[in-house]
Amino acid sequence: MGRFIYDTAGNSVDIDDRTLAHLRIVVMNKLRRSESFMFDVEIGDGSGRRSFWIHESVPLQFHFFGSRPPRINRVWIEELMQAASSPNGLSITPEPTEDSAPAPE
């Protein structure tokens, strides 16, 4: 279980390492383009949801507890990137199988 840490006040949410690795790629790519967005996440203890406004001026940390980086699912990255660019913002969706990618035309 990893941790997404937002701002210098230490606001954080625990997120599975595998999921966190994929979120890190999405956040990194959006901020590299100077694109701010909303990130909604359910709190693991069932106490509700938290929304974070992700902006390049806000310090972020991705704390991984595992020692090995996971294999990245490109289909999931694409889905998460589309969500981050949508009016509703980024939220964690179930990981699709990599063979669920649309066939090239």
PDB file of N, CA and C in Angstrom:
ATOM      1  N   MET A   1       0.844  -1.174   0.000  1.00  0.00           N
ATOM      2  CA  MET A   1       0.000   0.000   0.000  1.00  0.00           C
ATOM      3  C   MET A   1       0.885   1.232   0.000  1.00  0.00           C
ATOM      4  N   GLY A   2       0.676   2.096  -0.978  1.00  0.00           N
ATOM      5  CA  GLY A   2       1.438   3.325  -1.071  1.00  0.00           C
ATOM      6  C   GLY A   2       0.645   4.493  -0.522  1.00  0.00           C
ATOM      7  N   ARG A   3       1.198   5.680  -0.685  1.00  0.00           N
ATOM      8  CA  ARG A   3       0.517   6.866  -0.179  1.00  0.00           C
ATOM      9  C   ARG A   3       0.708   8.028  -1.139  1.00  0.00           C
ATOM     10  N   PHE A   4      -0.403   8.687  -1.468  1.00  0.00           N
ATOM     11  CA  PHE A   4      -0.403   9.920  -2.247  1.00  0.00           C
ATOM     12  C   PHE A   4      -0.436  11.056  -1.232  1.00  0.00           C
ATOM     13  N   ILE A   5       0.590  11.918  -1.259  1.00  0.00           N
ATOM     14  CA  ILE A   5       0.707  13.005  -0.289  1.00  0.00           C
ATOM     15  C   ILE A   5       0.575  14.327  -1.036  1.00  0.00           C
ATOM     16  N   TYR A   6      -0.376  15.138  -0.571  1.00  0.00           N
ATOM     17  CA  TYR A   6      -0.729  16.382  -1.241  1.00  0.00           C
ATOM     18  C   TYR A   6      -0.403  17.567  -0.344  1.00  0.00           C
ATOM     19  N   ASP A   7       0.344  18.501  -0.805  1.00  0.00           N
ATOM     20  CA  ASP A   7       0.722  19.767  -0.178  1.00  0.00           C
ATOM     21  C   ASP A   7       1.648  19.578   1.018  1.00  0.00           C
ATOM     22  N   THR A   8       2.067  20.682   1.594  1.00  0.00           N
ATOM     23  CA  THR A   8       3.019  20.635   2.706  1.00  0.00           C
ATOM     24  C   THR A   8       2.349  20.359   4.047  1.00  0.00           C
ATOM     25  N   ALA A   9       1.008  20.363   4.072  1.00  0.00           N
ATOM     26  CA  ALA A   9       0.288  20.070   5.315  1.00  0.00           C
ATOM     27  C   ALA A   9       0.182  18.568   5.552  1.00  0.00           C
ATOM     28  N   GLY A  10       0.617  17.778   4.582  1.00  0.00           N
ATOM     29  CA  GLY A  10       0.630  16.334   4.751  1.00  0.00           C
ATOM     30  C   GLY A  10      -0.700  15.649   4.492  1.00  0.00           C
ATOM     31  N   ASN A  11      -1.604  16.306   3.770  1.00  0.00           N
ATOM     32  CA  ASN A  11      -2.840  15.628   3.378  1.00  0.00           C
ATOM     33  C   ASN A  11      -2.472  14.407   2.553  1.00  0.00           C
ATOM     34  N   SER A  12      -3.022  13.255   2.914  1.00  0.00           N
ATOM     35  CA  SER A  12      -2.621  12.049   2.196  1.00  0.00           C
ATOM     36  C   SER A  12      -3.756  11.040   2.116  1.00  0.00           C
ATOM     37  N   VAL A  13      -3.608  10.135   1.153  1.00  0.00           N
ATOM     38  CA  VAL A  13      -4.554   9.043   0.946  1.00  0.00           C
ATOM     39  C   VAL A  13      -3.732   7.799   0.643  1.00  0.00           C
ATOM     40  N   ASP A  14      -4.081   6.688   1.272  1.00  0.00           N
ATOM     41  CA  ASP A  14      -3.419   5.417   0.982  1.00  0.00           C
ATOM     42  C   ASP A  14      -4.001   4.821  -0.289  1.00  0.00           C
ATOM     43  N   ILE A  15      -3.117   4.412  -1.193  1.00  0.00           N
ATOM     44  CA  ILE A  15      -3.501   3.842  -2.486  1.00  0.00           C
ATOM     45  C   ILE A  15      -2.563   2.675  -2.769  1.00  0.00           C
ATOM     46  N   ASP A  16      -3.110   1.611  -3.294  1.00  0.00           N
ATOM     47  CA  ASP A  16      -2.325   0.438  -3.681  1.00  0.00           C
ATOM     48  C   ASP A  16      -1.125   0.870  -4.538  1.00  0.00           C
ATOM     49  N   ASP A  17       0.050   0.285  -4.289  1.00  0.00           N
ATOM     50  CA  ASP A  17       1.269   0.648  -5.026  1.00  0.00           C
ATOM     51  C   ASP A  17       1.089   0.571  -6.543  1.00  0.00           C
ATOM     52  N   ARG A  18       0.443  -0.476  -7.022  1.00  0.00           N
ATOM     53  CA  ARG A  18       0.268  -0.643  -8.468  1.00  0.00           C
ATOM     54  C   ARG A  18      -0.567   0.501  -9.045  1.00  0.00           C
ATOM     55  N   THR A  19      -1.654   0.798  -8.381  1.00  0.00           N
ATOM     56  CA  THR A  19      -2.522   1.900  -8.816  1.00  0.00           C
ATOM     57  C   THR A  19      -1.773   3.215  -8.723  1.00  0.00           C
ATOM     58  N   LEU A  20      -1.053   3.416  -7.632  1.00  0.00           N
ATOM     59  CA  LEU A  20      -0.306   4.650  -7.427  1.00  0.00           C
ATOM     60  C   LEU A  20       0.743   4.866  -8.520  1.00  0.00           C
ATOM     61  N   ALA A  21       1.377   3.799  -8.969  1.00  0.00           N
ATOM     62  CA  ALA A  21       2.379   3.915 -10.044  1.00  0.00           C
ATOM     63  C   ALA A  21       1.726   4.426 -11.329  1.00  0.00           C
ATOM     64  N   HIS A  22       0.523   3.963 -11.619  1.00  0.00           N
ATOM     65  CA  HIS A  22      -0.188   4.418 -12.814  1.00  0.00           C
ATOM     66  C   HIS A  22      -0.660   5.864 -12.652  1.00  0.00           C
ATOM     67  N   LEU A  23      -1.142   6.205 -11.465  1.00  0.00           N
ATOM     68  CA  LEU A  23      -1.561   7.584 -11.207  1.00  0.00           C
ATOM     69  C   LEU A  23      -0.387   8.545 -11.323  1.00  0.00           C
ATOM     70  N   ARG A  24       0.761   8.117 -10.853  1.00  0.00           N
ATOM     71  CA  ARG A  24       1.968   8.958 -10.924  1.00  0.00           C
ATOM     72  C   ARG A  24       2.289   9.332 -12.369  1.00  0.00           C
ATOM     73  N   ILE A  25       2.178   8.374 -13.269  1.00  0.00           N
ATOM     74  CA  ILE A  25       2.457   8.634 -14.681  1.00  0.00           C
ATOM     75  C   ILE A  25       1.466   9.643 -15.246  1.00  0.00           C
ATOM     76  N   VAL A  26       0.198   9.470 -14.911  1.00  0.00           N
ATOM     77  CA  VAL A  26      -0.836  10.384 -15.403  1.00  0.00           C
ATOM     78  C   VAL A  26      -0.609  11.794 -14.863  1.00  0.00           C
ATOM     79  N   VAL A  27      -0.400  11.907 -13.564  1.00  0.00           N
ATOM     80  CA  VAL A  27      -0.182  13.221 -12.950  1.00  0.00           C
ATOM     81  C   VAL A  27       1.062  13.880 -13.531  1.00  0.00           C
ATOM     82  N   MET A  28       2.129  13.124 -13.646  1.00  0.00           N
ATOM     83  CA  MET A  28       3.385  13.643 -14.195  1.00  0.00           C
ATOM     84  C   MET A  28       3.178  14.204 -15.603  1.00  0.00           C
ATOM     85  N   ASN A  29       2.461  13.450 -16.445  1.00  0.00           N
ATOM     86  CA  ASN A  29       2.232  13.891 -17.819  1.00  0.00           C
ATOM     87  C   ASN A  29       1.337  15.118 -17.889  1.00  0.00           C
ATOM     88  N   LYS A  30       0.289  15.161 -17.077  1.00  0.00           N
ATOM     89  CA  LYS A  30      -0.595  16.330 -17.077  1.00  0.00           C
ATOM     90  C   LYS A  30       0.152  17.581 -16.606  1.00  0.00           C
ATOM     91  N   LEU A  31       0.911  17.456 -15.527  1.00  0.00           N
ATOM     92  CA  LEU A  31       1.619  18.625 -15.001  1.00  0.00           C
ATOM     93  C   LEU A  31       2.772  19.056 -15.905  1.00  0.00           C
ATOM     94  N   ARG A  32       3.373  18.107 -16.593  1.00  0.00           N
ATOM     95  CA  ARG A  32       4.424  18.449 -17.555  1.00  0.00           C
ATOM     96  C   ARG A  32       3.876  19.378 -18.632  1.00  0.00           C
ATOM     97  N   ARG A  33       2.593  19.221 -18.952  1.00  0.00           N
ATOM     98  CA  ARG A  33       1.915  20.050 -19.958  1.00  0.00           C
ATOM     99  C   ARG A  33       1.257  21.281 -19.339  1.00  0.00           C
ATOM    100  N   SER A  34       1.474  21.494 -18.042  1.00  0.00           N
ATOM    101  CA  SER A  34       0.859  22.593 -17.290  1.00  0.00           C
ATOM    102  C   SER A  34      -0.662  22.518 -17.320  1.00  0.00           C
ATOM    103  N   GLU A  35      -1.194  21.304 -17.240  1.00  0.00           N
ATOM    104  CA  GLU A  35      -2.639  21.084 -17.239  1.00  0.00           C
ATOM    105  C   GLU A  35      -3.080  20.711 -15.819  1.00  0.00           C
ATOM    106  N   SER A  36      -3.827  21.594 -15.185  1.00  0.00           N
ATOM    107  CA  SER A  36      -4.390  21.319 -13.862  1.00  0.00           C
ATOM    108  C   SER A  36      -5.645  20.482 -14.020  1.00  0.00           C
ATOM    109  N   PHE A  37      -6.008  19.743 -12.963  1.00  0.00           N
ATOM    110  CA  PHE A  37      -7.201  18.904 -13.035  1.00  0.00           C
ATOM    111  C   PHE A  37      -7.620  18.488 -11.631  1.00  0.00           C
ATOM    112  N   MET A  38      -8.853  17.996 -11.527  1.00  0.00           N
ATOM    113  CA  MET A  38      -9.382  17.497 -10.266  1.00  0.00           C
ATOM    114  C   MET A  38      -9.092  16.006 -10.157  1.00  0.00           C
ATOM    115  N   PHE A  39      -8.727  15.567  -8.963  1.00  0.00           N
ATOM    116  CA  PHE A  39      -8.493  14.153  -8.679  1.00  0.00           C
ATOM    117  C   PHE A  39      -9.388  13.763  -7.512  1.00  0.00           C
ATOM    118  N   ASP A  40     -10.336  12.867  -7.753  1.00  0.00           N
ATOM    119  CA  ASP A  40     -11.245  12.363  -6.723  1.00  0.00           C
ATOM    120  C   ASP A  40     -10.834  10.949  -6.354  1.00  0.00           C
ATOM    121  N   VAL A  41     -10.821  10.673  -5.059  1.00  0.00           N
ATOM    122  CA  VAL A  41     -10.442   9.343  -4.598  1.00  0.00           C
ATOM    123  C   VAL A  41     -11.300   8.953  -3.398  1.00  0.00           C
ATOM    124  N   GLU A  42     -11.726   7.692  -3.375  1.00  0.00           N
ATOM    125  CA  GLU A  42     -12.463   7.176  -2.231  1.00  0.00           C
ATOM    126  C   GLU A  42     -11.480   6.869  -1.114  1.00  0.00           C
ATOM    127  N   ILE A  43     -11.862   7.202   0.096  1.00  0.00           N
ATOM    128  CA  ILE A  43     -11.021   6.919   1.254  1.00  0.00           C
ATOM    129  C   ILE A  43     -11.151   5.432   1.567  1.00  0.00           C
ATOM    130  N   GLY A  44     -10.029   4.777   1.782  1.00  0.00           N
ATOM    131  CA  GLY A  44      -9.990   3.333   1.971  1.00  0.00           C
ATOM    132  C   GLY A  44     -10.791   2.802   3.138  1.00  0.00           C
ATOM    133  N   ASP A  45     -11.048   3.639   4.142  1.00  0.00           N
ATOM    134  CA  ASP A  45     -11.784   3.158   5.315  1.00  0.00           C
ATOM    135  C   ASP A  45     -13.297   3.295   5.158  1.00  0.00           C
ATOM    136  N   GLY A  46     -13.745   3.702   3.955  1.00  0.00           N
ATOM    137  CA  GLY A  46     -15.176   3.821   3.699  1.00  0.00           C
ATOM    138  C   GLY A  46     -15.796   5.098   4.233  1.00  0.00           C
ATOM    139  N   SER A  47     -14.970   6.063   4.631  1.00  0.00           N
ATOM    140  CA  SER A  47     -15.490   7.302   5.223  1.00  0.00           C
ATOM    141  C   SER A  47     -15.842   8.376   4.202  1.00  0.00           C
ATOM    142  N   GLY A  48     -15.784   8.068   2.920  1.00  0.00           N
ATOM    143  CA  GLY A  48     -16.179   9.048   1.917  1.00  0.00           C
ATOM    144  C   GLY A  48     -15.150   9.218   0.820  1.00  0.00           C
ATOM    145  N   ARG A  49     -15.189  10.397   0.221  1.00  0.00           N
ATOM    146  CA  ARG A  49     -14.293  10.724  -0.886  1.00  0.00           C
ATOM    147  C   ARG A  49     -13.545  12.010  -0.567  1.00  0.00           C
ATOM    148  N   ARG A  50     -12.395  12.159  -1.212  1.00  0.00           N
ATOM    149  CA  ARG A  50     -11.640  13.415  -1.130  1.00  0.00           C
ATOM    150  C   ARG A  50     -11.368  13.873  -2.541  1.00  0.00           C
ATOM    151  N   SER A  51     -11.388  15.166  -2.721  1.00  0.00           N
ATOM    152  CA  SER A  51     -11.071  15.768  -4.012  1.00  0.00           C
ATOM    153  C   SER A  51      -9.841  16.645  -3.846  1.00  0.00           C
ATOM    154  N   PHE A  52      -8.914  16.497  -4.764  1.00  0.00           N
ATOM    155  CA  PHE A  52      -7.685  17.289  -4.764  1.00  0.00           C
ATOM    156  C   PHE A  52      -7.596  18.055  -6.074  1.00  0.00           C
ATOM    157  N   TRP A  53      -7.329  19.359  -5.993  1.00  0.00           N
ATOM    158  CA  TRP A  53      -7.073  20.134  -7.197  1.00  0.00           C
ATOM    159  C   TRP A  53      -5.582  19.998  -7.478  1.00  0.00           C
ATOM    160  N   ILE A  54      -5.251  19.335  -8.579  1.00  0.00           N
ATOM    161  CA  ILE A  54      -3.855  19.075  -8.915  1.00  0.00           C
ATOM    162  C   ILE A  54      -3.346  20.214  -9.791  1.00  0.00           C
ATOM    163  N   HIS A  55      -2.351  20.894  -9.286  1.00  0.00           N
ATOM    164  CA  HIS A  55      -1.765  22.053  -9.973  1.00  0.00           C
ATOM    165  C   HIS A  55      -0.254  22.007  -9.777  1.00  0.00           C
ATOM    166  N   GLU A  56       0.463  22.506 -10.740  1.00  0.00           N
ATOM    167  CA  GLU A  56       1.925  22.426 -10.689  1.00  0.00           C
ATOM    168  C   GLU A  56       2.539  23.176  -9.510  1.00  0.00           C
ATOM    169  N   SER A  57       1.817  24.090  -8.879  1.00  0.00           N
ATOM    170  CA  SER A  57       2.370  24.839  -7.747  1.00  0.00           C
ATOM    171  C   SER A  57       2.188  24.115  -6.408  1.00  0.00           C
ATOM    172  N   VAL A  58       1.436  23.013  -6.392  1.00  0.00           N
ATOM    173  CA  VAL A  58       1.185  22.287  -5.147  1.00  0.00           C
ATOM    174  C   VAL A  58       2.160  21.119  -5.033  1.00  0.00           C
ATOM    175  N   PRO A  59       2.912  21.038  -3.930  1.00  0.00           N
ATOM    176  CA  PRO A  59       3.844  19.921  -3.767  1.00  0.00           C
ATOM    177  C   PRO A  59       3.097  18.582  -3.662  1.00  0.00           C
ATOM    178  N   LEU A  60       3.586  17.592  -4.376  1.00  0.00           N
ATOM    179  CA  LEU A  60       3.015  16.248  -4.364  1.00  0.00           C
ATOM    180  C   LEU A  60       4.108  15.239  -4.073  1.00  0.00           C
ATOM    181  N   GLN A  61       3.726  14.147  -3.410  1.00  0.00           N
ATOM    182  CA  GLN A  61       4.645  13.029  -3.212  1.00  0.00           C
ATOM    183  C   GLN A  61       3.893  11.736  -3.477  1.00  0.00           C
ATOM    184  N   PHE A  62       4.613  10.783  -4.014  1.00  0.00           N
ATOM    185  CA  PHE A  62       4.092   9.442  -4.236  1.00  0.00           C
ATOM    186  C   PHE A  62       5.003   8.516  -3.443  1.00  0.00           C
ATOM    187  N   HIS A  63       4.504   8.006  -2.332  1.00  0.00           N
ATOM    188  CA  HIS A  63       5.318   7.171  -1.448  1.00  0.00           C
ATOM    189  C   HIS A  63       4.942   5.708  -1.684  1.00  0.00           C
ATOM    190  N   PHE A  64       5.888   4.962  -2.218  1.00  0.00           N
ATOM    191  CA  PHE A  64       5.677   3.545  -2.504  1.00  0.00           C
ATOM    192  C   PHE A  64       6.291   2.714  -1.395  1.00  0.00           C
ATOM    193  N   PHE A  65       5.545   1.738  -0.901  1.00  0.00           N
ATOM    194  CA  PHE A  65       6.053   0.874   0.149  1.00  0.00           C
ATOM    195  C   PHE A  65       6.715  -0.381  -0.420  1.00  0.00           C
ATOM    196  N   GLY A  66       6.348  -0.755  -1.645  1.00  0.00           N
ATOM    197  CA  GLY A  66       6.968  -1.906  -2.291  1.00  0.00           C
ATOM    198  C   GLY A  66       8.337  -1.546  -2.830  1.00  0.00           C
ATOM    199  N   SER A  67       9.177  -2.553  -3.044  1.00  0.00           N
ATOM    200  CA  SER A  67      10.538  -2.287  -3.502  1.00  0.00           C
ATOM    201  C   SER A  67      10.694  -2.362  -5.019  1.00  0.00           C
ATOM    202  N   ARG A  68       9.754  -2.992  -5.710  1.00  0.00           N
ATOM    203  CA  ARG A  68       9.877  -3.136  -7.162  1.00  0.00           C
ATOM    204  C   ARG A  68       8.784  -2.368  -7.887  1.00  0.00           C
ATOM    205  N   PRO A  69       9.166  -1.635  -8.949  1.00  0.00           N
ATOM    206  CA  PRO A  69       8.125  -0.957  -9.731  1.00  0.00           C
ATOM    207  C   PRO A  69       7.296  -1.979 -10.515  1.00  0.00           C
ATOM    208  N   PRO A  70       5.991  -1.760 -10.604  1.00  0.00           N
ATOM    209  CA  PRO A  70       5.140  -2.714 -11.332  1.00  0.00           C
ATOM    210  C   PRO A  70       5.260  -2.548 -12.837  1.00  0.00           C
ATOM    211  N   ARG A  71       4.852  -3.571 -13.558  1.00  0.00           N
ATOM    212  CA  ARG A  71       4.741  -3.487 -15.009  1.00  0.00           C
ATOM    213  C   ARG A  71       3.572  -2.550 -15.315  1.00  0.00           C
ATOM    214  N   ILE A  72       3.755  -1.638 -16.233  1.00  0.00           N
ATOM    215  CA  ILE A  72       2.744  -0.623 -16.522  1.00  0.00           C
ATOM    216  C   ILE A  72       1.782  -1.115 -17.604  1.00  0.00           C
ATOM    217  N   ASN A  73       0.494  -0.912 -17.341  1.00  0.00           N
ATOM    218  CA  ASN A  73      -0.577  -1.268 -18.267  1.00  0.00           C
ATOM    219  C   ASN A  73      -0.917  -0.013 -19.071  1.00  0.00           C
ATOM    220  N   ARG A  74      -0.497   0.023 -20.326  1.00  0.00           N
ATOM    221  CA  ARG A  74      -0.698   1.213 -21.163  1.00  0.00           C
ATOM    222  C   ARG A  74      -2.178   1.520 -21.411  1.00  0.00           C
ATOM    223  N   VAL A  75      -2.993   0.488 -21.476  1.00  0.00           N
ATOM    224  CA  VAL A  75      -4.429   0.701 -21.676  1.00  0.00           C
ATOM    225  C   VAL A  75      -5.004   1.465 -20.486  1.00  0.00           C
ATOM    226  N   TRP A  76      -4.604   1.086 -19.297  1.00  0.00           N
ATOM    227  CA  TRP A  76      -5.078   1.771 -18.095  1.00  0.00           C
ATOM    228  C   TRP A  76      -4.596   3.219 -18.058  1.00  0.00           C
ATOM    229  N   ILE A  77      -3.338   3.437 -18.437  1.00  0.00           N
ATOM    230  CA  ILE A  77      -2.801   4.800 -18.491  1.00  0.00           C
ATOM    231  C   ILE A  77      -3.650   5.655 -19.429  1.00  0.00           C
ATOM    232  N   GLU A  78      -3.972   5.129 -20.597  1.00  0.00           N
ATOM    233  CA  GLU A  78      -4.783   5.879 -21.563  1.00  0.00           C
ATOM    234  C   GLU A  78      -6.162   6.208 -20.992  1.00  0.00           C
ATOM    235  N   GLU A  79      -6.782   5.240 -20.319  1.00  0.00           N
ATOM    236  CA  GLU A  79      -8.099   5.474 -19.713  1.00  0.00           C
ATOM    237  C   GLU A  79      -8.015   6.543 -18.626  1.00  0.00           C
ATOM    238  N   LEU A  80      -6.990   6.469 -17.795  1.00  0.00           N
ATOM    239  CA  LEU A  80      -6.829   7.441 -16.717  1.00  0.00           C
ATOM    240  C   LEU A  80      -6.520   8.834 -17.272  1.00  0.00           C
ATOM    241  N   MET A  81      -5.734   8.903 -18.332  1.00  0.00           N
ATOM    242  CA  MET A  81      -5.439  10.189 -18.966  1.00  0.00           C
ATOM    243  C   MET A  81      -6.713  10.820 -19.525  1.00  0.00           C
ATOM    244  N   GLN A  82      -7.557  10.018 -20.157  1.00  0.00           N
ATOM    245  CA  GLN A  82      -8.826  10.541 -20.685  1.00  0.00           C
ATOM    246  C   GLN A  82      -9.699  11.052 -19.551  1.00  0.00           C
ATOM    247  N   ALA A  83      -9.747  10.306 -18.455  1.00  0.00           N
ATOM    248  CA  ALA A  83     -10.552  10.735 -17.310  1.00  0.00           C
ATOM    249  C   ALA A  83     -10.027  12.061 -16.753  1.00  0.00           C
ATOM    250  N   ALA A  84      -8.712  12.188 -16.622  1.00  0.00           N
ATOM    251  CA  ALA A  84      -8.116  13.408 -16.075  1.00  0.00           C
ATOM    252  C   ALA A  84      -8.424  14.619 -16.942  1.00  0.00           C
ATOM    253  N   SER A  85      -8.630  14.395 -18.232  1.00  0.00           N
ATOM    254  CA  SER A  85      -8.934  15.492 -19.157  1.00  0.00           C
ATOM    255  C   SER A  85     -10.429  15.766 -19.281  1.00  0.00           C
ATOM    256  N   SER A  86     -11.242  14.971 -18.624  1.00  0.00           N
ATOM    257  CA  SER A  86     -12.696  15.127 -18.722  1.00  0.00           C
ATOM    258  C   SER A  86     -13.194  16.172 -17.719  1.00  0.00           C
ATOM    259  N   PRO A  87     -14.424  16.649 -17.891  1.00  0.00           N
ATOM    260  CA  PRO A  87     -14.987  17.621 -16.938  1.00  0.00           C
ATOM    261  C   PRO A  87     -15.094  17.082 -15.513  1.00  0.00           C
ATOM    262  N   ASN A  88     -15.248  15.775 -15.344  1.00  0.00           N
ATOM    263  CA  ASN A  88     -15.350  15.194 -14.007  1.00  0.00           C
ATOM    264  C   ASN A  88     -13.994  14.988 -13.346  1.00  0.00           C
ATOM    265  N   GLY A  89     -12.924  15.009 -14.106  1.00  0.00           N
ATOM    266  CA  GLY A  89     -11.595  14.835 -13.552  1.00  0.00           C
ATOM    267  C   GLY A  89     -11.214  13.373 -13.376  1.00  0.00           C
ATOM    268  N   LEU A  90     -10.053  13.179 -12.785  1.00  0.00           N
ATOM    269  CA  LEU A  90      -9.474  11.851 -12.606  1.00  0.00           C
ATOM    270  C   LEU A  90     -10.055  11.159 -11.394  1.00  0.00           C
ATOM    271  N   SER A  91     -10.452   9.916 -11.582  1.00  0.00           N
ATOM    272  CA  SER A  91     -10.803   9.048 -10.461  1.00  0.00           C
ATOM    273  C   SER A  91     -10.251   7.670 -10.795  1.00  0.00           C
ATOM    274  N   ILE A  92     -10.045   6.884  -9.773  1.00  0.00           N
ATOM    275  CA  ILE A  92      -9.457   5.562  -9.962  1.00  0.00           C
ATOM    276  C   ILE A  92     -10.518   4.614 -10.516  1.00  0.00           C
ATOM    277  N   THR A  93     -10.205   4.006 -11.630  1.00  0.00           N
ATOM    278  CA  THR A  93     -11.100   3.035 -12.253  1.00  0.00           C
ATOM    279  C   THR A  93     -10.448   1.663 -12.180  1.00  0.00           C
ATOM    280  N   PRO A  94     -11.240   0.608 -12.301  1.00  0.00           N
ATOM    281  CA  PRO A  94     -10.641  -0.739 -12.280  1.00  0.00           C
ATOM    282  C   PRO A  94      -9.662  -0.912 -13.440  1.00  0.00           C
ATOM    283  N   GLU A  95      -8.612  -1.660 -13.186  1.00  0.00           N
ATOM    284  CA  GLU A  95      -7.605  -1.888 -14.222  1.00  0.00           C
ATOM    285  C   GLU A  95      -8.169  -2.797 -15.309  1.00  0.00           C
ATOM    286  N   PRO A  96      -8.145  -2.330 -16.577  1.00  0.00           N
ATOM    287  CA  PRO A  96      -8.582  -3.197 -17.676  1.00  0.00           C
ATOM    288  C   PRO A  96      -7.478  -4.176 -18.066  1.00  0.00           C
ATOM    289  N   THR A  97      -7.855  -5.217 -18.767  1.00  0.00           N
ATOM    290  CA  THR A  97      -6.833  -6.115 -19.294  1.00  0.00           C
ATOM    291  C   THR A  97      -6.159  -5.400 -20.466  1.00  0.00           C
ATOM    292  N   GLU A  98      -4.903  -5.699 -20.663  1.00  0.00           N
ATOM    293  CA  GLU A  98      -4.172  -5.029 -21.732  1.00  0.00           C
ATOM    294  C   GLU A  98      -4.682  -5.414 -23.113  1.00  0.00           C
ATOM    295  N   ASP A  99      -5.331  -6.565 -23.222  1.00  0.00           N
ATOM    296  CA  ASP A  99      -5.852  -6.957 -24.525  1.00  0.00           C
ATOM    297  C   ASP A  99      -7.217  -6.327 -24.820  1.00  0.00           C
ATOM    298  N   SER A 100      -7.675  -5.422 -23.914  1.00  0.00           N
ATOM    299  CA  SER A 100      -8.942  -4.737 -24.150  1.00  0.00           C
ATOM    300  C   SER A 100      -8.754  -3.457 -24.955  1.00  0.00           C
ATOM    301  N   ALA A 101      -7.528  -3.221 -25.412  1.00  0.00           N
ATOM    302  CA  ALA A 101      -7.272  -2.047 -26.240  1.00  0.00           C
ATOM    303  C   ALA A 101      -7.974  -2.203 -27.575  1.00  0.00           C
ATOM    304  N   PRO A 102      -8.530  -1.088 -28.103  1.00  0.00           N
ATOM    305  CA  PRO A 102      -9.171  -1.176 -29.403  1.00  0.00           C
ATOM    306  C   PRO A 102      -8.178  -1.542 -30.490  1.00  0.00           C
ATOM    307  N   ALA A 103      -8.628  -2.325 -31.440  1.00  0.00           N
ATOM    308  CA  ALA A 103      -7.757  -2.723 -32.546  1.00  0.00           C
ATOM    309  C   ALA A 103      -7.414  -1.521 -33.416  1.00  0.00           C
ATOM    310  N   PRO A 104      -6.163  -1.434 -33.885  1.00  0.00           N
ATOM    311  CA  PRO A 104      -5.799  -0.313 -34.747  1.00  0.00           C
ATOM    312  C   PRO A 104      -6.576  -0.378 -36.068  1.00  0.00           C
ATOM    313  N   GLU A 105      -6.894   0.797 -36.571  1.00  0.00           N
ATOM    314  CA  GLU A 105      -7.673   0.864 -37.817  1.00  0.00           C
ATOM    315  C   GLU A 105      -6.784   0.830 -39.023  1.00  0.00           C
TER     316      GLU A 105
END
